[in-house]
Amino acid sequence: MDDSKVVGGKVKKPGKRGRKPAKIDLKAKLERSRQSARECRARKKLRYQYLEELVSSRERAICALREELEMYKQWCMAMDQGKIPSEIKALLTGEEQNKSQQNSGRHVKAGKTDADSNSW
């Protein structure tokens, strides 16, 4: 059976309902589409640049941490052999100097000794 209906003696064909879209200038529509595509490509390029910079900065941070870890491993191996690396000696003497400077700048409360303040 045909989808067309007879209403009041006239044949009515099924079609789109509602308002028909206005005719848009095809050149303007095409130019807007091209502009949108250019902007999309520019955003994509910026996003990839940002991600590349983020990855490279993280890789540099990882390399620095690996070097630091390797240094600590070497220090531990040296201490296992009974040797104290000069870097650790320098750190310890630097900490002792800092503590002595901090303690000389403070007034020690009655009843509290230096041994109590240096306990770890």
PDB file of N, CA and C in Angstrom:
ATOM      1  N   MET A   1       0.830  -1.172   0.000  1.00  0.00           N
ATOM      2  CA  MET A   1       0.000   0.000   0.000  1.00  0.00           C
ATOM      3  C   MET A   1       0.875   1.236   0.000  1.00  0.00           C
ATOM      4  N   ASP A   2       0.457   2.287  -0.644  1.00  0.00           N
ATOM      5  CA  ASP A   2       1.224   3.529  -0.769  1.00  0.00           C
ATOM      6  C   ASP A   2       1.115   4.342   0.510  1.00  0.00           C
ATOM      7  N   ASP A   3       2.207   5.051   0.853  1.00  0.00           N
ATOM      8  CA  ASP A   3       2.220   5.854   2.074  1.00  0.00           C
ATOM      9  C   ASP A   3       1.435   7.157   1.931  1.00  0.00           C
ATOM     10  N   SER A   4       1.099   7.561   0.717  1.00  0.00           N
ATOM     11  CA  SER A   4       0.382   8.824   0.520  1.00  0.00           C
ATOM     12  C   SER A   4      -1.058   8.680   0.994  1.00  0.00           C
ATOM     13  N   LYS A   5      -1.603   9.793   1.524  1.00  0.00           N
ATOM     14  CA  LYS A   5      -2.954   9.775   2.070  1.00  0.00           C
ATOM     15  C   LYS A   5      -3.844  10.711   1.252  1.00  0.00           C
ATOM     16  N   VAL A   6      -5.101  10.391   1.220  1.00  0.00           N
ATOM     17  CA  VAL A   6      -6.065  11.244   0.531  1.00  0.00           C
ATOM     18  C   VAL A   6      -6.812  12.047   1.582  1.00  0.00           C
ATOM     19  N   VAL A   7      -6.670  13.380   1.523  1.00  0.00           N
ATOM     20  CA  VAL A   7      -7.340  14.245   2.478  1.00  0.00           C
ATOM     21  C   VAL A   7      -8.108  15.300   1.687  1.00  0.00           C
ATOM     22  N   GLY A   8      -9.395  15.318   1.812  1.00  0.00           N
ATOM     23  CA  GLY A   8     -10.225  16.311   1.118  1.00  0.00           C
ATOM     24  C   GLY A   8     -10.091  16.255  -0.385  1.00  0.00           C
ATOM     25  N   GLY A   9      -9.907  15.087  -0.933  1.00  0.00           N
ATOM     26  CA  GLY A   9      -9.827  14.948  -2.369  1.00  0.00           C
ATOM     27  C   GLY A   9      -8.443  15.195  -2.942  1.00  0.00           C
ATOM     28  N   LYS A  10      -7.481  15.612  -2.104  1.00  0.00           N
ATOM     29  CA  LYS A  10      -6.117  15.882  -2.582  1.00  0.00           C
ATOM     30  C   LYS A  10      -5.174  14.800  -2.059  1.00  0.00           C
ATOM     31  N   VAL A  11      -4.208  14.437  -2.835  1.00  0.00           N
ATOM     32  CA  VAL A  11      -3.209  13.444  -2.424  1.00  0.00           C
ATOM     33  C   VAL A  11      -2.098  14.170  -1.676  1.00  0.00           C
ATOM     34  N   LYS A  12      -1.861  13.748  -0.439  1.00  0.00           N
ATOM     35  CA  LYS A  12      -0.834  14.386   0.394  1.00  0.00           C
ATOM     36  C   LYS A  12       0.343  13.423   0.532  1.00  0.00           C
ATOM     37  N   LYS A  13       1.513  13.858   0.115  1.00  0.00           N
ATOM     38  CA  LYS A  13       2.713  13.020   0.205  1.00  0.00           C
ATOM     39  C   LYS A  13       3.411  13.274   1.540  1.00  0.00           C
ATOM     40  N   PRO A  14       3.945  12.209   2.134  1.00  0.00           N
ATOM     41  CA  PRO A  14       4.684  12.425   3.387  1.00  0.00           C
ATOM     42  C   PRO A  14       5.974  13.199   3.116  1.00  0.00           C
ATOM     43  N   GLY A  15       6.287  14.102   4.000  1.00  0.00           N
ATOM     44  CA  GLY A  15       7.493  14.885   3.798  1.00  0.00           C
ATOM     45  C   GLY A  15       8.036  15.383   5.116  1.00  0.00           C
ATOM     46  N   LYS A  16       8.960  16.314   5.062  1.00  0.00           N
ATOM     47  CA  LYS A  16       9.542  16.867   6.274  1.00  0.00           C
ATOM     48  C   LYS A  16       8.554  17.801   6.933  1.00  0.00           C
ATOM     49  N   ARG A  17       8.535  17.776   8.233  1.00  0.00           N
ATOM     50  CA  ARG A  17       7.631  18.654   8.965  1.00  0.00           C
ATOM     51  C   ARG A  17       8.389  19.894   9.409  1.00  0.00           C
ATOM     52  N   GLY A  18       7.666  20.946   9.628  1.00  0.00           N
ATOM     53  CA  GLY A  18       8.270  22.147  10.177  1.00  0.00           C
ATOM     54  C   GLY A  18       8.805  23.074   9.123  1.00  0.00           C
ATOM     55  N   ARG A  19       9.565  24.048   9.600  1.00  0.00           N
ATOM     56  CA  ARG A  19      10.081  25.099   8.753  1.00  0.00           C
ATOM     57  C   ARG A  19      11.239  24.598   7.908  1.00  0.00           C
ATOM     58  N   LYS A  20      11.315  25.045   6.677  1.00  0.00           N
ATOM     59  CA  LYS A  20      12.441  24.682   5.817  1.00  0.00           C
ATOM     60  C   LYS A  20      13.601  25.616   6.130  1.00  0.00           C
ATOM     61  N   PRO A  21      14.846  25.097   6.142  1.00  0.00           N
ATOM     62  CA  PRO A  21      15.979  25.974   6.449  1.00  0.00           C
ATOM     63  C   PRO A  21      16.198  27.008   5.357  1.00  0.00           C
ATOM     64  N   ALA A  22      16.633  28.172   5.799  1.00  0.00           N
ATOM     65  CA  ALA A  22      16.916  29.239   4.833  1.00  0.00           C
ATOM     66  C   ALA A  22      18.129  28.845   4.016  1.00  0.00           C
ATOM     67  N   LYS A  23      18.152  29.291   2.790  1.00  0.00           N
ATOM     68  CA  LYS A  23      19.288  28.984   1.928  1.00  0.00           C
ATOM     69  C   LYS A  23      20.495  29.795   2.385  1.00  0.00           C
ATOM     70  N   ILE A  24      21.544  29.097   2.814  1.00  0.00           N
ATOM     71  CA  ILE A  24      22.756  29.758   3.292  1.00  0.00           C
ATOM     72  C   ILE A  24      23.711  29.870   2.119  1.00  0.00           C
ATOM     73  N   ASP A  25      24.391  30.978   2.109  1.00  0.00           N
ATOM     74  CA  ASP A  25      25.384  31.183   1.060  1.00  0.00           C
ATOM     75  C   ASP A  25      26.418  30.067   1.155  1.00  0.00           C
ATOM     76  N   LEU A  26      26.536  29.276   0.116  1.00  0.00           N
ATOM     77  CA  LEU A  26      27.421  28.109   0.157  1.00  0.00           C
ATOM     78  C   LEU A  26      28.884  28.499   0.318  1.00  0.00           C
ATOM     79  N   LYS A  27      29.288  29.629  -0.271  1.00  0.00           N
ATOM     80  CA  LYS A  27      30.682  30.058  -0.145  1.00  0.00           C
ATOM     81  C   LYS A  27      30.998  30.425   1.302  1.00  0.00           C
ATOM     82  N   ALA A  28      30.071  31.116   1.957  1.00  0.00           N
ATOM     83  CA  ALA A  28      30.290  31.498   3.359  1.00  0.00           C
ATOM     84  C   ALA A  28      30.337  30.263   4.254  1.00  0.00           C
ATOM     85  N   LYS A  29      29.437  29.315   3.974  1.00  0.00           N
ATOM     86  CA  LYS A  29      29.415  28.081   4.758  1.00  0.00           C
ATOM     87  C   LYS A  29      30.723  27.310   4.600  1.00  0.00           C
ATOM     88  N   LEU A  30      31.207  27.222   3.378  1.00  0.00           N
ATOM     89  CA  LEU A  30      32.458  26.529   3.101  1.00  0.00           C
ATOM     90  C   LEU A  30      33.637  27.222   3.787  1.00  0.00           C
ATOM     91  N   GLU A  31      33.649  28.565   3.761  1.00  0.00           N
ATOM     92  CA  GLU A  31      34.744  29.306   4.406  1.00  0.00           C
ATOM     93  C   GLU A  31      34.717  29.117   5.921  1.00  0.00           C
ATOM     94  N   ARG A  32      33.526  29.104   6.510  1.00  0.00           N
ATOM     95  CA  ARG A  32      33.431  28.859   7.960  1.00  0.00           C
ATOM     96  C   ARG A  32      33.955  27.469   8.299  1.00  0.00           C
ATOM     97  N   SER A  33      33.632  26.514   7.459  1.00  0.00           N
ATOM     98  CA  SER A  33      34.095  25.144   7.681  1.00  0.00           C
ATOM     99  C   SER A  33      35.622  25.068   7.593  1.00  0.00           C
ATOM    100  N   ARG A  34      36.177  25.738   6.611  1.00  0.00           N
ATOM    101  CA  ARG A  34      37.642  25.749   6.461  1.00  0.00           C
ATOM    102  C   ARG A  34      38.308  26.430   7.658  1.00  0.00           C
ATOM    103  N   GLN A  35      37.723  27.554   8.098  1.00  0.00           N
ATOM    104  CA  GLN A  35      38.287  28.282   9.239  1.00  0.00           C
ATOM    105  C   GLN A  35      38.236  27.419  10.500  1.00  0.00           C
ATOM    106  N   SER A  36      37.132  26.747  10.684  1.00  0.00           N
ATOM    107  CA  SER A  36      36.988  25.858  11.838  1.00  0.00           C
ATOM    108  C   SER A  36      38.041  24.745  11.793  1.00  0.00           C
ATOM    109  N   ALA A  37      38.291  24.198  10.624  1.00  0.00           N
ATOM    110  CA  ALA A  37      39.295  23.138  10.477  1.00  0.00           C
ATOM    111  C   ALA A  37      40.692  23.678  10.781  1.00  0.00           C
ATOM    112  N   ARG A  38      40.983  24.920  10.313  1.00  0.00           N
ATOM    113  CA  ARG A  38      42.294  25.515  10.615  1.00  0.00           C
ATOM    114  C   ARG A  38      42.478  25.701  12.115  1.00  0.00           C
ATOM    115  N   GLU A  39      41.423  26.201  12.784  1.00  0.00           N
ATOM    116  CA  GLU A  39      41.506  26.407  14.232  1.00  0.00           C
ATOM    117  C   GLU A  39      41.672  25.084  14.970  1.00  0.00           C
ATOM    118  N   CYS A  40      41.001  24.063  14.496  1.00  0.00           N
ATOM    119  CA  CYS A  40      41.114  22.742  15.109  1.00  0.00           C
ATOM    120  C   CYS A  40      42.536  22.205  14.981  1.00  0.00           C
ATOM    121  N   ARG A  41      43.133  22.367  13.805  1.00  0.00           N
ATOM    122  CA  ARG A  41      44.514  21.908  13.605  1.00  0.00           C
ATOM    123  C   ARG A  41      45.481  22.686  14.493  1.00  0.00           C
ATOM    124  N   ALA A  42      45.232  23.997  14.649  1.00  0.00           N
ATOM    125  CA  ALA A  42      46.112  24.812  15.493  1.00  0.00           C
ATOM    126  C   ALA A  42      46.011  24.361  16.951  1.00  0.00           C
ATOM    127  N   ARG A  43      44.785  24.097  17.422  1.00  0.00           N
ATOM    128  CA  ARG A  43      44.617  23.618  18.804  1.00  0.00           C
ATOM    129  C   ARG A  43      45.299  22.272  19.002  1.00  0.00           C
ATOM    130  N   LYS A  44      45.168  21.409  18.008  1.00  0.00           N
ATOM    131  CA  LYS A  44      45.795  20.084  18.078  1.00  0.00           C
ATOM    132  C   LYS A  44      47.317  20.211  18.161  1.00  0.00           C
ATOM    133  N   LYS A  45      47.870  21.113  17.348  1.00  0.00           N
ATOM    134  CA  LYS A  45      49.322  21.322  17.348  1.00  0.00           C
ATOM    135  C   LYS A  45      49.793  21.822  18.712  1.00  0.00           C
ATOM    136  N   LEU A  46      49.062  22.783  19.290  1.00  0.00           N
ATOM    137  CA  LEU A  46      49.424  23.303  20.610  1.00  0.00           C
ATOM    138  C   LEU A  46      49.322  22.217  21.681  1.00  0.00           C
ATOM    139  N   ARG A  47      48.288  21.401  21.590  1.00  0.00           N
ATOM    140  CA  ARG A  47      48.113  20.330  22.574  1.00  0.00           C
ATOM    141  C   ARG A  47      49.279  19.348  22.509  1.00  0.00           C
ATOM    142  N   TYR A  48      49.691  18.978  21.294  1.00  0.00           N
ATOM    143  CA  TYR A  48      50.820  18.051  21.159  1.00  0.00           C
ATOM    144  C   TYR A  48      52.129  18.685  21.634  1.00  0.00           C
ATOM    145  N   GLN A  49      52.322  19.981  21.378  1.00  0.00           N
ATOM    146  CA  GLN A  49      53.525  20.662  21.878  1.00  0.00           C
ATOM    147  C   GLN A  49      53.558  20.617  23.397  1.00  0.00           C
ATOM    148  N   TYR A  50      52.410  20.929  24.022  1.00  0.00           N
ATOM    149  CA  TYR A  50      52.330  20.912  25.481  1.00  0.00           C
ATOM    150  C   TYR A  50      52.663  19.524  26.021  1.00  0.00           C
ATOM    151  N   LEU A  51      52.083  18.488  25.415  1.00  0.00           N
ATOM    152  CA  LEU A  51      52.330  17.128  25.889  1.00  0.00           C
ATOM    153  C   LEU A  51      53.790  16.719  25.708  1.00  0.00           C
ATOM    154  N   GLU A  52      54.406  17.125  24.600  1.00  0.00           N
ATOM    155  CA  GLU A  52      55.820  16.803  24.386  1.00  0.00           C
ATOM    156  C   GLU A  52      56.700  17.475  25.433  1.00  0.00           C
ATOM    157  N   GLU A  53      56.408  18.747  25.752  1.00  0.00           N
ATOM    158  CA  GLU A  53      57.177  19.451  26.774  1.00  0.00           C
ATOM    159  C   GLU A  53      56.991  18.798  28.136  1.00  0.00           C
ATOM    160  N   LEU A  54      55.764  18.387  28.425  1.00  0.00           N
ATOM    161  CA  LEU A  54      55.476  17.728  29.699  1.00  0.00           C
ATOM    162  C   LEU A  54      56.255  16.422  29.818  1.00  0.00           C
ATOM    163  N   VAL A  55      56.254  15.637  28.762  1.00  0.00           N
ATOM    164  CA  VAL A  55      56.966  14.356  28.778  1.00  0.00           C
ATOM    165  C   VAL A  55      58.470  14.575  28.920  1.00  0.00           C
ATOM    166  N   SER A  56      59.026  15.551  28.189  1.00  0.00           N
ATOM    167  CA  SER A  56      60.475  15.773  28.267  1.00  0.00           C
ATOM    168  C   SER A  56      60.882  16.275  29.655  1.00  0.00           C
ATOM    169  N   SER A  57      60.050  17.120  30.271  1.00  0.00           N
ATOM    170  CA  SER A  57      60.403  17.593  31.617  1.00  0.00           C
ATOM    171  C   SER A  57      60.347  16.446  32.622  1.00  0.00           C
ATOM    172  N   ARG A  58      59.372  15.558  32.465  1.00  0.00           N
ATOM    173  CA  ARG A  58      59.289  14.398  33.371  1.00  0.00           C
ATOM    174  C   ARG A  58      60.468  13.465  33.157  1.00  0.00           C
ATOM    175  N   GLU A  59      60.881  13.285  31.898  1.00  0.00           N
ATOM    176  CA  GLU A  59      62.033  12.422  31.619  1.00  0.00           C
ATOM    177  C   GLU A  59      63.298  12.999  32.242  1.00  0.00           C
ATOM    178  N   ARG A  60      63.471  14.334  32.171  1.00  0.00           N
ATOM    179  CA  ARG A  60      64.639  14.960  32.806  1.00  0.00           C
ATOM    180  C   ARG A  60      64.606  14.750  34.314  1.00  0.00           C
ATOM    181  N   ALA A  61      63.430  14.880  34.915  1.00  0.00           N
ATOM    182  CA  ALA A  61      63.305  14.678  36.357  1.00  0.00           C
ATOM    183  C   ALA A  61      63.640  13.230  36.726  1.00  0.00           C
ATOM    184  N   ILE A  62      63.192  12.292  35.914  1.00  0.00           N
ATOM    185  CA  ILE A  62      63.481  10.880  36.175  1.00  0.00           C
ATOM    186  C   ILE A  62      64.978  10.611  36.075  1.00  0.00           C
ATOM    187  N   CYS A  63      65.633  11.190  35.080  1.00  0.00           N
ATOM    188  CA  CYS A  63      67.083  11.002  34.930  1.00  0.00           C
ATOM    189  C   CYS A  63      67.828  11.559  36.139  1.00  0.00           C
ATOM    190  N   ALA A  64      67.411  12.731  36.610  1.00  0.00           N
ATOM    191  CA  ALA A  64      68.058  13.330  37.780  1.00  0.00           C
ATOM    192  C   ALA A  64      67.868  12.439  39.008  1.00  0.00           C
ATOM    193  N   LEU A  65      66.678  11.883  39.175  1.00  0.00           N
ATOM    194  CA  LEU A  65      66.431  10.991  40.314  1.00  0.00           C
ATOM    195  C   LEU A  65      67.242   9.704  40.203  1.00  0.00           C
ATOM    196  N   ARG A  66      67.394   9.191  38.980  1.00  0.00           N
ATOM    197  CA  ARG A  66      68.207   7.976  38.799  1.00  0.00           C
ATOM    198  C   ARG A  66      69.665   8.233  39.175  1.00  0.00           C
ATOM    199  N   GLU A  67      70.180   9.405  38.763  1.00  0.00           N
ATOM    200  CA  GLU A  67      71.563   9.745  39.113  1.00  0.00           C
ATOM    201  C   GLU A  67      71.727   9.862  40.624  1.00  0.00           C
ATOM    202  N   GLU A  68      70.744  10.494  41.268  1.00  0.00           N
ATOM    203  CA  GLU A  68      70.801  10.640  42.726  1.00  0.00           C
ATOM    204  C   GLU A  68      70.745   9.268  43.401  1.00  0.00           C
ATOM    205  N   LEU A  69      69.887   8.388  42.902  1.00  0.00           N
ATOM    206  CA  LEU A  69      69.783   7.041  43.462  1.00  0.00           C
ATOM    207  C   LEU A  69      71.098   6.284  43.291  1.00  0.00           C
ATOM    208  N   GLU A  70      71.720   6.421  42.129  1.00  0.00           N
ATOM    209  CA  GLU A  70      72.997   5.746  41.881  1.00  0.00           C
ATOM    210  C   GLU A  70      74.072   6.260  42.842  1.00  0.00           C
ATOM    211  N   MET A  71      74.064   7.575  43.083  1.00  0.00           N
ATOM    212  CA  MET A  71      75.031   8.162  44.018  1.00  0.00           C
ATOM    213  C   MET A  71      74.832   7.571  45.414  1.00  0.00           C
ATOM    214  N   TYR A  72      73.561   7.463  45.856  1.00  0.00           N
ATOM    215  CA  TYR A  72      73.290   6.899  47.178  1.00  0.00           C
ATOM    216  C   TYR A  72      73.686   5.422  47.249  1.00  0.00           C
ATOM    217  N   LYS A  73      73.473   4.692  46.159  1.00  0.00           N
ATOM    218  CA  LYS A  73      73.884   3.283  46.135  1.00  0.00           C
ATOM    219  C   LYS A  73      75.399   3.164  46.291  1.00  0.00           C
ATOM    220  N   GLN A  74      76.141   4.036  45.607  1.00  0.00           N
ATOM    221  CA  GLN A  74      77.599   4.004  45.724  1.00  0.00           C
ATOM    222  C   GLN A  74      78.038   4.357  47.140  1.00  0.00           C
ATOM    223  N   TRP A  75      77.373   5.325  47.738  1.00  0.00           N
ATOM    224  CA  TRP A  75      77.715   5.691  49.116  1.00  0.00           C
ATOM    225  C   TRP A  75      77.481   4.498  50.045  1.00  0.00           C
ATOM    226  N   CYS A  76      76.360   3.800  49.862  1.00  0.00           N
ATOM    227  CA  CYS A  76      76.042   2.649  50.718  1.00  0.00           C
ATOM    228  C   CYS A  76      77.055   1.523  50.530  1.00  0.00           C
ATOM    229  N   MET A  77      77.446   1.270  49.283  1.00  0.00           N
ATOM    230  CA  MET A  77      78.442   0.222  49.044  1.00  0.00           C
ATOM    231  C   MET A  77      79.775   0.587  49.697  1.00  0.00           C
ATOM    232  N   ALA A  78      80.134   1.866  49.639  1.00  0.00           N
ATOM    233  CA  ALA A  78      81.386   2.305  50.251  1.00  0.00           C
ATOM    234  C   ALA A  78      81.312   2.144  51.770  1.00  0.00           C
ATOM    235  N   MET A  79      80.172   2.493  52.364  1.00  0.00           N
ATOM    236  CA  MET A  79      80.044   2.360  53.822  1.00  0.00           C
ATOM    237  C   MET A  79      80.019   0.894  54.238  1.00  0.00           C
ATOM    238  N   ASP A  80      79.460   0.013  53.380  1.00  0.00           N
ATOM    239  CA  ASP A  80      79.485  -1.422  53.678  1.00  0.00           C
ATOM    240  C   ASP A  80      80.918  -1.944  53.711  1.00  0.00           C
ATOM    241  N   GLN A  81      81.800  -1.322  52.947  1.00  0.00           N
ATOM    242  CA  GLN A  81      83.215  -1.711  52.922  1.00  0.00           C
ATOM    243  C   GLN A  81      84.002  -1.023  54.036  1.00  0.00           C
ATOM    244  N   GLY A  82      83.326  -0.206  54.836  1.00  0.00           N
ATOM    245  CA  GLY A  82      83.994   0.458  55.951  1.00  0.00           C
ATOM    246  C   GLY A  82      84.571   1.813  55.601  1.00  0.00           C
ATOM    247  N   LYS A  83      84.276   2.322  54.440  1.00  0.00           N
ATOM    248  CA  LYS A  83      84.785   3.637  54.036  1.00  0.00           C
ATOM    249  C   LYS A  83      83.647   4.657  54.160  1.00  0.00           C
ATOM    250  N   ILE A  84      83.997   5.852  54.608  1.00  0.00           N
ATOM    251  CA  ILE A  84      82.997   6.919  54.682  1.00  0.00           C
ATOM    252  C   ILE A  84      83.307   7.908  53.561  1.00  0.00           C
ATOM    253  N   PRO A  85      82.402   8.051  52.603  1.00  0.00           N
ATOM    254  CA  PRO A  85      82.645   8.972  51.489  1.00  0.00           C
ATOM    255  C   PRO A  85      82.793  10.415  51.974  1.00  0.00           C
ATOM    256  N   SER A  86      83.627  11.157  51.268  1.00  0.00           N
ATOM    257  CA  SER A  86      83.884  12.541  51.668  1.00  0.00           C
ATOM    258  C   SER A  86      82.621  13.399  51.595  1.00  0.00           C
ATOM    259  N   GLU A  87      81.712  13.059  50.696  1.00  0.00           N
ATOM    260  CA  GLU A  87      80.473  13.828  50.583  1.00  0.00           C
ATOM    261  C   GLU A  87      79.643  13.711  51.855  1.00  0.00           C
ATOM    262  N   ILE A  88      79.608  12.497  52.429  1.00  0.00           N
ATOM    263  CA  ILE A  88      78.846  12.286  53.658  1.00  0.00           C
ATOM    264  C   ILE A  88      79.516  13.030  54.807  1.00  0.00           C
ATOM    265  N   LYS A  89      80.844  12.988  54.849  1.00  0.00           N
ATOM    266  CA  LYS A  89      81.557  13.735  55.892  1.00  0.00           C
ATOM    267  C   LYS A  89      81.231  15.220  55.790  1.00  0.00           C
ATOM    268  N   ALA A  90      81.218  15.729  54.557  1.00  0.00           N
ATOM    269  CA  ALA A  90      80.911  17.146  54.356  1.00  0.00           C
ATOM    270  C   ALA A  90      79.482  17.451  54.792  1.00  0.00           C
ATOM    271  N   LEU A  91      78.556  16.557  54.479  1.00  0.00           N
ATOM    272  CA  LEU A  91      77.168  16.762  54.896  1.00  0.00           C
ATOM    273  C   LEU A  91      77.055  16.772  56.424  1.00  0.00           C
ATOM    274  N   LEU A  92      77.740  15.820  57.047  1.00  0.00           N
ATOM    275  CA  LEU A  92      77.654  15.726  58.508  1.00  0.00           C
ATOM    276  C   LEU A  92      78.284  16.952  59.178  1.00  0.00           C
ATOM    277  N   THR A  93      79.447  17.367  58.696  1.00  0.00           N
ATOM    278  CA  THR A  93      80.086  18.540  59.313  1.00  0.00           C
ATOM    279  C   THR A  93      79.263  19.790  59.031  1.00  0.00           C
ATOM    280  N   GLY A  94      78.636  19.869  57.865  1.00  0.00           N
ATOM    281  CA  GLY A  94      77.769  21.012  57.557  1.00  0.00           C
ATOM    282  C   GLY A  94      76.562  21.047  58.463  1.00  0.00           C
ATOM    283  N   GLU A  95      75.965  19.879  58.760  1.00  0.00           N
ATOM    284  CA  GLU A  95      74.819  19.815  59.664  1.00  0.00           C
ATOM    285  C   GLU A  95      75.236  20.190  61.081  1.00  0.00           C
ATOM    286  N   GLU A  96      76.416  19.727  61.494  1.00  0.00           N
ATOM    287  CA  GLU A  96      76.883  20.056  62.845  1.00  0.00           C
ATOM    288  C   GLU A  96      77.103  21.554  62.980  1.00  0.00           C
ATOM    289  N   GLN A  97      77.655  22.177  61.946  1.00  0.00           N
ATOM    290  CA  GLN A  97      77.872  23.621  61.988  1.00  0.00           C
ATOM    291  C   GLN A  97      76.538  24.361  62.034  1.00  0.00           C
ATOM    292  N   ASN A  98      75.570  23.901  61.253  1.00  0.00           N
ATOM    293  CA  ASN A  98      74.251  24.537  61.254  1.00  0.00           C
ATOM    294  C   ASN A  98      73.583  24.418  62.619  1.00  0.00           C
ATOM    295  N   LYS A  99      73.683  23.236  63.242  1.00  0.00           N
ATOM    296  CA  LYS A  99      73.069  23.040  64.560  1.00  0.00           C
ATOM    297  C   LYS A  99      73.750  23.909  65.607  1.00  0.00           C
ATOM    298  N   SER A 100      75.083  24.005  65.531  1.00  0.00           N
ATOM    299  CA  SER A 100      75.781  24.818  66.523  1.00  0.00           C
ATOM    300  C   SER A 100      75.432  26.299  66.344  1.00  0.00           C
ATOM    301  N   GLN A 101      75.255  26.743  65.094  1.00  0.00           N
ATOM    302  CA  GLN A 101      74.859  28.125  64.856  1.00  0.00           C
ATOM    303  C   GLN A 101      73.434  28.362  65.340  1.00  0.00           C
ATOM    304  N   GLN A 102      72.535  27.409  65.139  1.00  0.00           N
ATOM    305  CA  GLN A 102      71.159  27.567  65.587  1.00  0.00           C
ATOM    306  C   GLN A 102      71.093  27.565  67.109  1.00  0.00           C
ATOM    307  N   ASN A 103      71.859  26.690  67.734  1.00  0.00           N
ATOM    308  CA  ASN A 103      71.837  26.608  69.192  1.00  0.00           C
ATOM    309  C   ASN A 103      72.454  27.847  69.825  1.00  0.00           C
ATOM    310  N   SER A 104      73.482  28.426  69.217  1.00  0.00           N
ATOM    311  CA  SER A 104      74.102  29.619  69.785  1.00  0.00           C
ATOM    312  C   SER A 104      73.171  30.825  69.644  1.00  0.00           C
ATOM    313  N   GLY A 105      72.304  30.800  68.679  1.00  0.00           N
ATOM    314  CA  GLY A 105      71.362  31.896  68.481  1.00  0.00           C
ATOM    315  C   GLY A 105      70.160  31.803  69.392  1.00  0.00           C
ATOM    316  N   ARG A 106      69.897  30.674  70.001  1.00  0.00           N
ATOM    317  CA  ARG A 106      68.747  30.464  70.882  1.00  0.00           C
ATOM    318  C   ARG A 106      69.193  30.491  72.335  1.00  0.00           C
ATOM    319  N   HIS A 107      68.247  30.788  73.203  1.00  0.00           N
ATOM    320  CA  HIS A 107      68.498  30.673  74.634  1.00  0.00           C
ATOM    321  C   HIS A 107      68.003  29.308  75.066  1.00  0.00           C
ATOM    322  N   VAL A 108      68.857  28.541  75.736  1.00  0.00           N
ATOM    323  CA  VAL A 108      68.490  27.204  76.164  1.00  0.00           C
ATOM    324  C   VAL A 108      67.629  27.321  77.401  1.00  0.00           C
ATOM    325  N   LYS A 109      66.446  26.622  77.380  1.00  0.00           N
ATOM    326  CA  LYS A 109      65.539  26.656  78.522  1.00  0.00           C
ATOM    327  C   LYS A 109      66.146  25.878  79.669  1.00  0.00           C
ATOM    328  N   ALA A 110      65.773  26.245  80.865  1.00  0.00           N
ATOM    329  CA  ALA A 110      66.285  25.577  82.061  1.00  0.00           C
ATOM    330  C   ALA A 110      65.813  24.137  82.074  1.00  0.00           C
ATOM    331  N   GLY A 111      66.707  23.231  82.376  1.00  0.00           N
ATOM    332  CA  GLY A 111      66.373  21.823  82.477  1.00  0.00           C
ATOM    333  C   GLY A 111      66.506  21.080  81.152  1.00  0.00           C
ATOM    334  N   LYS A 112      66.735  21.754  80.074  1.00  0.00           N
ATOM    335  CA  LYS A 112      66.860  21.086  78.771  1.00  0.00           C
ATOM    336  C   LYS A 112      68.319  21.129  78.339  1.00  0.00           C
ATOM    337  N   THR A 113      68.852  19.988  77.881  1.00  0.00           N
ATOM    338  CA  THR A 113      70.246  19.934  77.493  1.00  0.00           C
ATOM    339  C   THR A 113      70.354  19.790  75.986  1.00  0.00           C
ATOM    340  N   ASP A 114      71.571  19.958  75.460  1.00  0.00           N
ATOM    341  CA  ASP A 114      71.819  19.786  74.038  1.00  0.00           C
ATOM    342  C   ASP A 114      71.558  18.344  73.601  1.00  0.00           C
ATOM    343  N   ALA A 115      71.814  17.380  74.476  1.00  0.00           N
ATOM    344  CA  ALA A 115      71.612  15.983  74.115  1.00  0.00           C
ATOM    345  C   ALA A 115      70.138  15.722  73.865  1.00  0.00           C
ATOM    346  N   ASP A 116      69.245  16.372  74.652  1.00  0.00           N
ATOM    347  CA  ASP A 116      67.816  16.187  74.422  1.00  0.00           C
ATOM    348  C   ASP A 116      67.373  16.784  73.086  1.00  0.00           C
ATOM    349  N   SER A 117      67.942  17.919  72.699  1.00  0.00           N
ATOM    350  CA  SER A 117      67.503  18.568  71.468  1.00  0.00           C
ATOM    351  C   SER A 117      68.059  17.887  70.221  1.00  0.00           C
ATOM    352  N   ASN A 118      69.165  17.129  70.356  1.00  0.00           N
ATOM    353  CA  ASN A 118      69.763  16.484  69.197  1.00  0.00           C
ATOM    354  C   ASN A 118      69.281  15.062  68.977  1.00  0.00           C
ATOM    355  N   SER A 119      68.389  14.559  69.827  1.00  0.00           N
ATOM    356  CA  SER A 119      67.944  13.168  69.666  1.00  0.00           C
ATOM    357  C   SER A 119      67.085  13.052  68.420  1.00  0.00           C
ATOM    358  N   TRP A 120      67.247  11.940  67.728  1.00  0.00           N
ATOM    359  CA  TRP A 120      66.535  11.740  66.455  1.00  0.00           C
ATOM    360  C   TRP A 120      65.363  10.874  66.753  1.00  0.00           C
TER     361      TRP A 120
END
